[in-house]
Amino acid sequence: MAEQNSESIAKLNKIRSNIDKIDKQLIELLRQRSLCVQEIAEIKCQNQLPIYDGNREKRILEEKTSNNPTKYQAVDLANIFHAIMRAGLNQQLLYRSEHEE
């Protein structure tokens, strides 16, 4: 029993290590995404375009959840993307408030 428990703990540690590596990749992808969001904010401010586009948000959420290759429930995947998009919206709003004339 102790041997089986030890093997299980070793497997858990290996899987958790993989998750840690994936998390680092996710952070890097989010960093890259935030740079794109910054560029979008600049263009929107220069051209006095609205920050929020509800139709685009709805379309993105539908696209991401209709073709869901993960083991997450669609509602959970939608919540993840919604949180990412909200962070981008907040970033754009902050940019606009800092660069208003």
C-alpha atoms as a PDB file:
ATOM      1  CA  MET A   1       0.000   0.000   0.000  1.00  0.00           C
ATOM      2  CA  ALA A   2       2.795   2.431   0.875  1.00  0.00           C
ATOM      3  CA  GLU A   3       4.516   1.633  -2.432  1.00  0.00           C
ATOM      4  CA  GLN A   4       1.325   2.294  -4.395  1.00  0.00           C
ATOM      5  CA  ASN A   5       0.833   5.527  -2.462  1.00  0.00           C
ATOM      6  CA  SER A   6       4.417   6.550  -3.244  1.00  0.00           C
ATOM      7  CA  GLU A   7       3.882   5.838  -6.957  1.00  0.00           C
ATOM      8  CA  SER A   8       0.675   7.864  -6.946  1.00  0.00           C
ATOM      9  CA  ILE A   9       2.408  10.802  -5.301  1.00  0.00           C
ATOM     10  CA  ALA A  10       5.223  10.619  -7.869  1.00  0.00           C
ATOM     11  CA  LYS A  11       2.654  10.635 -10.703  1.00  0.00           C
ATOM     12  CA  LEU A  12       0.837  13.568  -9.130  1.00  0.00           C
ATOM     13  CA  ASN A  13       4.080  15.518  -8.809  1.00  0.00           C
ATOM     14  CA  LYS A  14       4.977  14.856 -12.452  1.00  0.00           C
ATOM     15  CA  ILE A  15       1.543  15.947 -13.667  1.00  0.00           C
ATOM     16  CA  ARG A  16       1.630  19.037 -11.451  1.00  0.00           C
ATOM     17  CA  SER A  17       5.042  19.894 -12.853  1.00  0.00           C
ATOM     18  CA  ASN A  18       3.546  19.689 -16.354  1.00  0.00           C
ATOM     19  CA  ILE A  19       0.715  21.982 -15.261  1.00  0.00           C
ATOM     20  CA  ASP A  20       3.273  24.473 -13.903  1.00  0.00           C
ATOM     21  CA  LYS A  21       5.016  24.496 -17.301  1.00  0.00           C
ATOM     22  CA  ILE A  22       1.705  25.004 -19.086  1.00  0.00           C
ATOM     23  CA  ASP A  23       0.845  27.845 -16.710  1.00  0.00           C
ATOM     24  CA  LYS A  24       4.104  29.581 -17.634  1.00  0.00           C
ATOM     25  CA  GLN A  25       3.175  29.222 -21.304  1.00  0.00           C
ATOM     26  CA  LEU A  26      -0.267  30.643 -20.605  1.00  0.00           C
ATOM     27  CA  ILE A  27       1.285  33.657 -18.864  1.00  0.00           C
ATOM     28  CA  GLU A  28       3.531  34.265 -21.869  1.00  0.00           C
ATOM     29  CA  LEU A  29       0.559  34.029 -24.238  1.00  0.00           C
ATOM     30  CA  LEU A  30      -1.413  36.428 -22.046  1.00  0.00           C
ATOM     31  CA  ARG A  31       1.563  38.830 -22.113  1.00  0.00           C
ATOM     32  CA  GLN A  32       1.551  38.686 -25.914  1.00  0.00           C
ATOM     33  CA  ARG A  33      -2.215  39.173 -25.965  1.00  0.00           C
ATOM     34  CA  SER A  34      -1.928  42.222 -23.707  1.00  0.00           C
ATOM     35  CA  LEU A  35       0.529  43.771 -26.179  1.00  0.00           C
ATOM     36  CA  CYS A  36      -2.030  43.300 -28.955  1.00  0.00           C
ATOM     37  CA  VAL A  37      -4.726  44.798 -26.731  1.00  0.00           C
ATOM     38  CA  GLN A  38      -2.454  47.801 -26.142  1.00  0.00           C
ATOM     39  CA  GLU A  39      -2.129  48.335 -29.903  1.00  0.00           C
ATOM     40  CA  ILE A  40      -5.895  48.058 -30.296  1.00  0.00           C
ATOM     41  CA  ALA A  41      -6.398  50.622 -27.524  1.00  0.00           C
ATOM     42  CA  GLU A  42      -4.036  53.032 -29.267  1.00  0.00           C
ATOM     43  CA  ILE A  43      -5.878  52.696 -32.591  1.00  0.00           C
ATOM     44  CA  LYS A  44      -9.294  53.046 -30.970  1.00  0.00           C
ATOM     45  CA  CYS A  45      -8.223  56.161 -29.072  1.00  0.00           C
ATOM     46  CA  GLN A  46      -6.566  57.769 -32.088  1.00  0.00           C
ATOM     47  CA  ASN A  47      -9.700  57.218 -34.142  1.00  0.00           C
ATOM     48  CA  GLN A  48     -12.224  57.845 -31.349  1.00  0.00           C
ATOM     49  CA  LEU A  49     -13.685  54.375 -31.723  1.00  0.00           C
ATOM     50  CA  PRO A  50     -15.694  52.736 -28.942  1.00  0.00           C
ATOM     51  CA  ILE A  51     -13.706  50.527 -26.594  1.00  0.00           C
ATOM     52  CA  TYR A  52     -16.384  47.878 -26.089  1.00  0.00           C
ATOM     53  CA  ASP A  53     -17.784  45.789 -28.947  1.00  0.00           C
ATOM     54  CA  GLY A  54     -20.506  43.549 -27.569  1.00  0.00           C
ATOM     55  CA  ASN A  55     -21.111  41.828 -30.903  1.00  0.00           C
ATOM     56  CA  ARG A  56     -17.460  40.814 -31.172  1.00  0.00           C
ATOM     57  CA  GLU A  57     -17.458  39.532 -27.596  1.00  0.00           C
ATOM     58  CA  LYS A  58     -20.578  37.468 -28.219  1.00  0.00           C
ATOM     59  CA  ARG A  59     -19.135  36.056 -31.456  1.00  0.00           C
ATOM     60  CA  ILE A  60     -15.858  35.106 -29.771  1.00  0.00           C
ATOM     61  CA  LEU A  61     -17.615  33.362 -26.887  1.00  0.00           C
ATOM     62  CA  GLU A  62     -19.815  31.416 -29.296  1.00  0.00           C
ATOM     63  CA  GLU A  63     -16.824  30.389 -31.420  1.00  0.00           C
ATOM     64  CA  LYS A  64     -14.749  29.261 -28.462  1.00  0.00           C
ATOM     65  CA  THR A  65     -17.520  27.236 -26.848  1.00  0.00           C
ATOM     66  CA  SER A  66     -19.088  25.687 -29.946  1.00  0.00           C
ATOM     67  CA  ASN A  67     -15.858  23.944 -30.935  1.00  0.00           C
ATOM     68  CA  ASN A  68     -14.625  22.971 -27.485  1.00  0.00           C
ATOM     69  CA  PRO A  69     -11.744  20.464 -27.678  1.00  0.00           C
ATOM     70  CA  THR A  70     -11.159  20.535 -23.903  1.00  0.00           C
ATOM     71  CA  LYS A  71     -12.588  18.481 -21.069  1.00  0.00           C
ATOM     72  CA  TYR A  72     -13.958  21.713 -19.553  1.00  0.00           C
ATOM     73  CA  GLN A  73     -17.680  22.352 -19.695  1.00  0.00           C
ATOM     74  CA  ALA A  74     -18.643  24.967 -22.273  1.00  0.00           C
ATOM     75  CA  VAL A  75     -19.827  27.347 -19.556  1.00  0.00           C
ATOM     76  CA  ASP A  76     -16.450  27.119 -17.815  1.00  0.00           C
ATOM     77  CA  LEU A  77     -14.568  27.728 -21.055  1.00  0.00           C
ATOM     78  CA  ALA A  78     -16.835  30.708 -21.735  1.00  0.00           C
ATOM     79  CA  ASN A  79     -16.073  32.052 -18.257  1.00  0.00           C
ATOM     80  CA  ILE A  80     -12.328  31.763 -18.885  1.00  0.00           C
ATOM     81  CA  PHE A  81     -12.553  33.676 -22.164  1.00  0.00           C
ATOM     82  CA  HIS A  82     -14.947  36.180 -20.649  1.00  0.00           C
ATOM     83  CA  ALA A  83     -12.418  36.907 -17.895  1.00  0.00           C
ATOM     84  CA  ILE A  84      -9.631  37.309 -20.461  1.00  0.00           C
ATOM     85  CA  MET A  85     -11.747  39.677 -22.534  1.00  0.00           C
ATOM     86  CA  ARG A  86     -12.742  41.664 -19.435  1.00  0.00           C
ATOM     87  CA  ALA A  87      -9.070  42.077 -18.571  1.00  0.00           C
ATOM     88  CA  GLY A  88      -8.482  43.381 -22.103  1.00  0.00           C
ATOM     89  CA  LEU A  89     -11.431  45.744 -21.827  1.00  0.00           C
ATOM     90  CA  ASN A  90     -10.113  47.078 -18.510  1.00  0.00           C
ATOM     91  CA  GLN A  91      -6.683  47.522 -20.071  1.00  0.00           C
ATOM     92  CA  GLN A  92      -8.184  49.523 -22.948  1.00  0.00           C
ATOM     93  CA  LEU A  93     -10.304  51.654 -20.609  1.00  0.00           C
ATOM     94  CA  LEU A  94      -7.251  52.423 -18.499  1.00  0.00           C
ATOM     95  CA  TYR A  95      -5.268  53.338 -21.610  1.00  0.00           C
ATOM     96  CA  ARG A  96      -8.042  55.663 -22.754  1.00  0.00           C
ATOM     97  CA  SER A  97      -8.288  57.358 -19.351  1.00  0.00           C
ATOM     98  CA  GLU A  98      -4.526  57.915 -19.304  1.00  0.00           C
ATOM     99  CA  HIS A  99      -4.439  59.317 -22.865  1.00  0.00           C
ATOM    100  CA  GLU A 100      -7.557  61.437 -23.030  1.00  0.00           C
ATOM    101  CA  GLU A 101      -6.966  64.984 -24.155  1.00  0.00           C
END
